[in-house]
C-alpha cells in the first residue's frame, strides 16, 4: 500500500490561520471580493498583510 503525503495547504492569512483551501472554497461558493472573503473565512481581519494574496487568489 502506498501512502501519499498530504497536499500542501499554505496559510494565506496568518493572523486568522486561514488556509488557501478555505479561500478557494469561499470563492467557489460565491465570494467575489475581499469583503466577501473576509466574511466567509475571517481572513484579513488582523494585520492586513494577506490582502495582496487574497486579491491574487480572486483573479
Protein backbone atom coordinates (compact mmCIF):
# COMPACT_ATOMS: atom_id res chain seq x y z
CA UNK A 1 0.00 0.00 0.00
CA UNK A 2 1.32 3.44 -0.95
CA UNK A 3 0.80 6.26 1.50
CA UNK A 4 0.79 9.68 -0.10
CA UNK A 5 1.83 12.72 1.87
CA UNK A 6 -0.87 15.33 2.43
CA UNK A 7 -1.09 18.05 -0.17
CA UNK A 8 0.29 21.39 0.93
CA UNK A 9 -2.30 23.89 2.04
CA UNK A 10 -0.39 27.06 2.87
CA UNK A 11 -1.81 29.62 5.23
CA UNK A 12 -2.87 32.76 3.37
CA UNK A 13 -3.87 34.69 6.50
CA UNK A 14 -1.51 34.04 9.38
CA UNK A 15 -3.48 36.11 11.91
CA UNK A 16 -6.69 34.12 11.46
CA UNK A 17 -4.89 30.91 10.36
CA UNK A 18 -6.90 30.71 7.13
CA UNK A 19 -5.51 28.23 4.59
CA UNK A 20 -5.61 28.67 0.83
CA UNK A 21 -8.19 25.89 0.55
CA UNK A 22 -10.66 27.92 2.64
CA UNK A 23 -10.16 30.96 0.42
CA UNK A 24 -10.71 28.91 -2.72
CA UNK A 25 -13.79 27.23 -1.23
CA UNK A 26 -15.26 30.64 -0.39
CA UNK A 27 -14.53 31.80 -3.92
CA UNK A 28 -16.28 28.73 -5.34
CA UNK A 29 -19.23 29.48 -3.05
CA UNK A 30 -19.64 32.96 -4.49
CA UNK A 31 -17.18 35.27 -2.72
CA UNK A 32 -16.09 37.71 -5.42
CA UNK A 33 -14.23 40.38 -3.44
CA UNK A 34 -12.12 40.79 -0.32
CA UNK A 35 -15.01 41.83 1.95
CA UNK A 36 -16.88 38.66 0.95
CA UNK A 37 -13.78 36.54 1.62
CA UNK A 38 -13.37 38.28 4.98
CA UNK A 39 -16.95 37.49 5.94
CA UNK A 40 -16.75 33.87 4.76
CA UNK A 41 -13.34 32.97 6.19
CA UNK A 42 -12.20 35.55 8.71
CA UNK A 43 -9.15 36.31 6.57
CA UNK A 44 -7.87 39.90 6.51
CA UNK A 45 -9.34 40.75 9.92
CA UNK A 46 -5.97 41.21 11.61
CA UNK A 47 -2.86 42.95 10.35
CA UNK A 48 -3.82 43.16 6.66
CA UNK A 49 -0.61 41.64 5.29
CA UNK A 50 -2.60 38.98 3.42
CA UNK A 51 -4.52 41.50 1.29
CA UNK A 52 -2.28 41.14 -1.80
CA UNK A 53 -2.53 37.34 -1.60
CA UNK A 54 -6.32 37.48 -1.29
CA UNK A 55 -6.56 39.80 -4.28
CA UNK A 56 -4.34 37.45 -6.29
CA UNK A 57 -6.46 34.42 -5.39
CA UNK A 58 -9.57 36.30 -6.54
CA UNK A 59 -8.17 36.80 -10.07
